Amino acid sequence: MVDALELNRAVPGGRVEIFAVPDEDYPGDWFYRFQFYHPETGEILRYDNAHDADDIGWHHRHINFGTDSEINFQSITAHAARFLQEVNHLTSIENTDHD
């Protein structure tokens, strides 16, 4: 079992921060927040389970150019992988727009 996940790294277009610790008080038995942001312009993408939102449940996907939404949670490693794939997609789009 994974004890904790932590990552803070520069990526094309910004920074990625991943933080997750086991916590039985949260759905999926993890407290987590994953962020992709630009240091000057702010948040681009975030996954978290900080609170239960009446309209979207516990597992949230926030994106700066869209609507907050519920996101399916299977395991912490699958969730982190999905987040990183989405960051990769977003950075690929950004790099393509500037070519």
N, C-alpha and C. Protein backbone atom coordinates (compact mmCIF):
# COMPACT_ATOMS: atom_id res chain seq x y z
N MET A 1 0.84 -1.19 0.00
CA MET A 1 0.00 0.00 0.00
C MET A 1 0.88 1.25 0.00
N VAL A 2 0.44 2.26 -0.69
CA VAL A 2 1.13 3.54 -0.73
C VAL A 2 0.88 4.28 0.58
N ASP A 3 1.95 4.79 1.21
CA ASP A 3 1.81 5.51 2.48
C ASP A 3 1.37 6.95 2.28
N ALA A 4 1.91 7.60 1.27
CA ALA A 4 1.57 8.98 0.95
C ALA A 4 2.09 9.29 -0.44
N LEU A 5 1.50 10.28 -1.06
CA LEU A 5 1.96 10.75 -2.37
C LEU A 5 2.28 12.23 -2.24
N GLU A 6 3.46 12.62 -2.70
CA GLU A 6 3.82 14.03 -2.72
C GLU A 6 4.68 14.29 -3.94
N LEU A 7 4.36 15.37 -4.65
CA LEU A 7 5.13 15.78 -5.81
C LEU A 7 4.95 17.28 -5.96
N ASN A 8 6.02 17.98 -6.23
CA ASN A 8 5.97 19.41 -6.52
C ASN A 8 7.01 19.64 -7.60
N ARG A 9 6.54 19.87 -8.84
CA ARG A 9 7.47 19.89 -9.96
C ARG A 9 7.02 20.87 -11.03
N ALA A 10 7.99 21.53 -11.63
CA ALA A 10 7.72 22.39 -12.78
C ALA A 10 7.44 21.49 -13.98
N VAL A 11 6.44 21.88 -14.77
CA VAL A 11 6.09 21.20 -16.01
C VAL A 11 5.86 22.29 -17.06
N PRO A 12 5.82 21.93 -18.33
CA PRO A 12 5.52 22.96 -19.34
C PRO A 12 4.21 23.68 -18.99
N GLY A 13 4.24 24.99 -18.94
CA GLY A 13 3.05 25.77 -18.68
C GLY A 13 2.73 26.03 -17.22
N GLY A 14 3.55 25.51 -16.29
CA GLY A 14 3.25 25.76 -14.88
C GLY A 14 3.91 24.80 -13.93
N ARG A 15 3.19 24.47 -12.85
CA ARG A 15 3.67 23.55 -11.83
C ARG A 15 2.59 22.52 -11.51
N VAL A 16 3.03 21.36 -11.10
CA VAL A 16 2.15 20.30 -10.63
C VAL A 16 2.47 20.04 -9.17
N GLU A 17 1.44 20.01 -8.34
CA GLU A 17 1.57 19.62 -6.94
C GLU A 17 0.58 18.49 -6.68
N ILE A 18 1.10 17.40 -6.15
CA ILE A 18 0.27 16.26 -5.76
C ILE A 18 0.51 16.01 -4.28
N PHE A 19 -0.57 15.95 -3.53
CA PHE A 19 -0.50 15.66 -2.10
C PHE A 19 -1.64 14.72 -1.76
N ALA A 20 -1.32 13.59 -1.13
CA ALA A 20 -2.35 12.64 -0.69
C ALA A 20 -1.82 11.87 0.50
N VAL A 21 -2.67 11.75 1.52
CA VAL A 21 -2.32 10.96 2.70
C VAL A 21 -3.51 10.07 3.06
N PRO A 22 -3.23 8.87 3.57
CA PRO A 22 -4.32 8.00 3.99
C PRO A 22 -5.12 8.66 5.11
N ASP A 23 -6.44 8.59 5.00
CA ASP A 23 -7.31 9.16 6.02
C ASP A 23 -8.67 8.50 5.90
N GLU A 24 -9.02 7.68 6.86
CA GLU A 24 -10.27 6.93 6.82
C GLU A 24 -11.51 7.81 6.95
N ASP A 25 -11.34 9.08 7.31
CA ASP A 25 -12.48 9.99 7.42
C ASP A 25 -12.94 10.51 6.06
N TYR A 26 -12.21 10.20 4.99
CA TYR A 26 -12.56 10.67 3.65
C TYR A 26 -12.92 9.49 2.76
N PRO A 27 -13.81 9.71 1.80
CA PRO A 27 -14.18 8.64 0.88
C PRO A 27 -12.96 8.14 0.12
N GLY A 28 -12.88 6.85 -0.03
CA GLY A 28 -11.72 6.25 -0.67
C GLY A 28 -10.55 6.11 0.28
N ASP A 29 -10.74 6.51 1.54
CA ASP A 29 -9.74 6.42 2.61
C ASP A 29 -8.48 7.25 2.36
N TRP A 30 -8.63 8.34 1.58
CA TRP A 30 -7.52 9.26 1.31
C TRP A 30 -8.03 10.69 1.37
N PHE A 31 -7.18 11.57 1.89
CA PHE A 31 -7.38 13.01 1.74
C PHE A 31 -6.38 13.43 0.68
N TYR A 32 -6.85 14.14 -0.37
CA TYR A 32 -5.94 14.49 -1.45
C TYR A 32 -6.29 15.83 -2.08
N ARG A 33 -5.27 16.42 -2.70
CA ARG A 33 -5.45 17.56 -3.59
C ARG A 33 -4.33 17.50 -4.62
N PHE A 34 -4.72 17.57 -5.86
CA PHE A 34 -3.78 17.58 -6.98
C PHE A 34 -4.02 18.88 -7.72
N GLN A 35 -2.95 19.65 -7.98
CA GLN A 35 -3.11 20.95 -8.63
C GLN A 35 -2.14 21.09 -9.79
N PHE A 36 -2.63 21.69 -10.86
CA PHE A 36 -1.79 22.15 -11.96
C PHE A 36 -2.09 23.64 -12.07
N TYR A 37 -1.07 24.47 -11.92
CA TYR A 37 -1.29 25.91 -11.91
C TYR A 37 -0.10 26.64 -12.51
N HIS A 38 -0.35 27.87 -12.91
CA HIS A 38 0.71 28.75 -13.36
C HIS A 38 1.01 29.71 -12.22
N PRO A 39 2.28 29.87 -11.83
CA PRO A 39 2.60 30.72 -10.68
C PRO A 39 2.09 32.16 -10.79
N GLU A 40 1.95 32.68 -12.00
CA GLU A 40 1.50 34.06 -12.16
C GLU A 40 0.00 34.20 -12.42
N THR A 41 -0.58 33.24 -13.13
CA THR A 41 -1.99 33.38 -13.51
C THR A 41 -2.93 32.50 -12.70
N GLY A 42 -2.41 31.57 -11.91
CA GLY A 42 -3.25 30.80 -11.01
C GLY A 42 -3.60 29.40 -11.47
N GLU A 43 -4.62 28.87 -10.82
CA GLU A 43 -5.04 27.48 -11.00
C GLU A 43 -5.55 27.21 -12.40
N ILE A 44 -5.11 26.07 -12.94
CA ILE A 44 -5.58 25.60 -14.24
C ILE A 44 -6.47 24.38 -14.04
N LEU A 45 -6.04 23.44 -13.19
CA LEU A 45 -6.77 22.20 -12.96
C LEU A 45 -6.52 21.75 -11.53
N ARG A 46 -7.58 21.24 -10.87
CA ARG A 46 -7.43 20.71 -9.51
C ARG A 46 -8.39 19.56 -9.31
N TYR A 47 -7.90 18.51 -8.69
CA TYR A 47 -8.73 17.41 -8.20
C TYR A 47 -8.62 17.46 -6.67
N ASP A 48 -9.74 17.27 -5.96
CA ASP A 48 -9.67 17.22 -4.50
C ASP A 48 -10.90 16.54 -3.92
N ASN A 49 -10.81 16.24 -2.64
CA ASN A 49 -11.96 15.73 -1.88
C ASN A 49 -12.03 16.45 -0.54
N ALA A 50 -11.84 17.77 -0.58
CA ALA A 50 -11.78 18.58 0.64
C ALA A 50 -13.11 18.67 1.38
N HIS A 51 -14.22 18.54 0.67
CA HIS A 51 -15.53 18.65 1.31
C HIS A 51 -16.57 17.98 0.42
N ASP A 52 -17.70 17.67 1.00
CA ASP A 52 -18.82 17.07 0.27
C ASP A 52 -19.67 18.21 -0.29
N ALA A 53 -19.66 18.36 -1.60
CA ALA A 53 -20.50 19.38 -2.24
C ALA A 53 -21.83 18.74 -2.62
N ASP A 54 -22.93 19.37 -2.23
CA ASP A 54 -24.25 18.80 -2.47
C ASP A 54 -24.51 18.44 -3.92
N ASP A 55 -24.02 19.27 -4.82
CA ASP A 55 -24.35 19.05 -6.23
C ASP A 55 -23.36 18.15 -6.97
N ILE A 56 -22.14 17.94 -6.42
CA ILE A 56 -21.17 17.10 -7.15
C ILE A 56 -20.49 16.04 -6.28
N GLY A 57 -20.88 15.88 -5.05
CA GLY A 57 -20.29 14.82 -4.21
C GLY A 57 -18.93 15.16 -3.66
N TRP A 58 -18.20 14.14 -3.28
CA TRP A 58 -16.91 14.32 -2.59
C TRP A 58 -15.74 14.54 -3.53
N HIS A 59 -15.65 13.80 -4.62
CA HIS A 59 -14.48 13.85 -5.50
C HIS A 59 -14.72 14.90 -6.59
N HIS A 60 -13.93 15.98 -6.53
CA HIS A 60 -14.15 17.14 -7.40
C HIS A 60 -13.07 17.31 -8.45
N ARG A 61 -13.47 17.82 -9.58
CA ARG A 61 -12.56 18.26 -10.64
C ARG A 61 -12.89 19.72 -10.90
N HIS A 62 -11.92 20.60 -10.67
CA HIS A 62 -12.09 22.03 -10.90
C HIS A 62 -11.18 22.42 -12.05
N ILE A 63 -11.69 23.17 -12.98
CA ILE A 63 -10.88 23.62 -14.11
C ILE A 63 -11.17 25.10 -14.33
N ASN A 64 -10.15 25.89 -14.61
CA ASN A 64 -10.33 27.34 -14.62
C ASN A 64 -11.17 27.84 -15.79
N PHE A 65 -11.33 27.03 -16.83
CA PHE A 65 -12.12 27.48 -17.97
C PHE A 65 -13.37 26.62 -18.16
N GLY A 66 -13.83 25.99 -17.09
CA GLY A 66 -15.01 25.14 -17.20
C GLY A 66 -15.77 25.07 -15.88
N THR A 67 -16.63 24.10 -15.79
CA THR A 67 -17.49 23.93 -14.63
C THR A 67 -16.90 22.88 -13.69
N ASP A 68 -17.01 23.11 -12.38
CA ASP A 68 -16.62 22.10 -11.41
C ASP A 68 -17.49 20.87 -11.63
N SER A 69 -16.90 19.70 -11.46
CA SER A 69 -17.66 18.49 -11.71
C SER A 69 -17.21 17.37 -10.78
N GLU A 70 -18.09 16.39 -10.64
CA GLU A 70 -17.75 15.18 -9.91
C GLU A 70 -16.83 14.35 -10.78
N ILE A 71 -15.90 13.63 -10.14
CA ILE A 71 -14.99 12.77 -10.88
C ILE A 71 -14.96 11.41 -10.20
N ASN A 72 -14.95 10.36 -10.99
CA ASN A 72 -14.95 9.00 -10.48
C ASN A 72 -13.63 8.70 -9.77
N PHE A 73 -13.70 8.04 -8.64
CA PHE A 73 -12.52 7.65 -7.86
C PHE A 73 -12.50 6.14 -7.73
N GLN A 74 -11.40 5.51 -8.21
CA GLN A 74 -11.24 4.07 -8.07
C GLN A 74 -10.16 3.73 -7.05
N SER A 75 -9.01 4.39 -7.17
CA SER A 75 -7.90 4.22 -6.23
C SER A 75 -7.05 5.48 -6.31
N ILE A 76 -6.22 5.70 -5.30
CA ILE A 76 -5.41 6.92 -5.30
C ILE A 76 -4.39 6.91 -6.44
N THR A 77 -3.81 5.76 -6.75
CA THR A 77 -2.83 5.72 -7.83
C THR A 77 -3.50 5.92 -9.19
N ALA A 78 -4.66 5.33 -9.40
CA ALA A 78 -5.38 5.54 -10.66
C ALA A 78 -5.82 6.99 -10.79
N HIS A 79 -6.22 7.60 -9.68
CA HIS A 79 -6.66 8.99 -9.67
C HIS A 79 -5.49 9.93 -10.03
N ALA A 80 -4.33 9.69 -9.41
CA ALA A 80 -3.14 10.50 -9.71
C ALA A 80 -2.72 10.32 -11.17
N ALA A 81 -2.79 9.09 -11.67
CA ALA A 81 -2.43 8.85 -13.07
C ALA A 81 -3.38 9.58 -14.01
N ARG A 82 -4.66 9.56 -13.71
CA ARG A 82 -5.64 10.28 -14.53
C ARG A 82 -5.37 11.78 -14.52
N PHE A 83 -5.08 12.33 -13.35
CA PHE A 83 -4.75 13.74 -13.23
C PHE A 83 -3.53 14.08 -14.08
N LEU A 84 -2.47 13.29 -13.97
CA LEU A 84 -1.25 13.57 -14.73
C LEU A 84 -1.47 13.43 -16.23
N GLN A 85 -2.31 12.50 -16.65
CA GLN A 85 -2.66 12.38 -18.07
C GLN A 85 -3.40 13.63 -18.54
N GLU A 86 -4.29 14.15 -17.71
CA GLU A 86 -5.02 15.36 -18.07
C GLU A 86 -4.07 16.57 -18.13
N VAL A 87 -3.13 16.66 -17.20
CA VAL A 87 -2.12 17.73 -17.25
C VAL A 87 -1.32 17.61 -18.53
N ASN A 88 -0.91 16.41 -18.88
CA ASN A 88 -0.15 16.19 -20.11
C ASN A 88 -0.95 16.65 -21.33
N HIS A 89 -2.23 16.32 -21.35
CA HIS A 89 -3.10 16.75 -22.44
C HIS A 89 -3.19 18.28 -22.50
N LEU A 90 -3.40 18.91 -21.35
CA LEU A 90 -3.51 20.37 -21.31
C LEU A 90 -2.21 21.04 -21.75
N THR A 91 -1.07 20.51 -21.34
CA THR A 91 0.20 21.11 -21.73
C THR A 91 0.47 20.87 -23.20
N SER A 92 0.02 19.74 -23.74
CA SER A 92 0.17 19.48 -25.18
C SER A 92 -0.64 20.47 -26.00
N ILE A 93 -1.86 20.77 -25.55
CA ILE A 93 -2.71 21.74 -26.23
C ILE A 93 -2.05 23.11 -26.19
N GLU A 94 -1.53 23.50 -25.02
CA GLU A 94 -0.90 24.80 -24.88
C GLU A 94 0.32 24.91 -25.79
N ASN A 95 1.14 23.86 -25.84
CA ASN A 95 2.33 23.88 -26.69
C ASN A 95 1.96 23.91 -28.16
N THR A 96 0.89 23.25 -28.54
CA THR A 96 0.43 23.23 -29.94
C THR A 96 -0.09 24.61 -30.34
N ASP A 97 -0.78 25.29 -29.43
CA ASP A 97 -1.33 26.61 -29.73
C ASP A 97 -0.23 27.62 -30.02
N HIS A 98 0.99 27.42 -29.52
CA HIS A 98 2.05 28.38 -29.66
C HIS A 98 3.02 28.02 -30.78
N ASP A 99 2.83 26.90 -31.44
CA ASP A 99 3.75 26.49 -32.53
C ASP A 99 3.47 27.25 -33.81
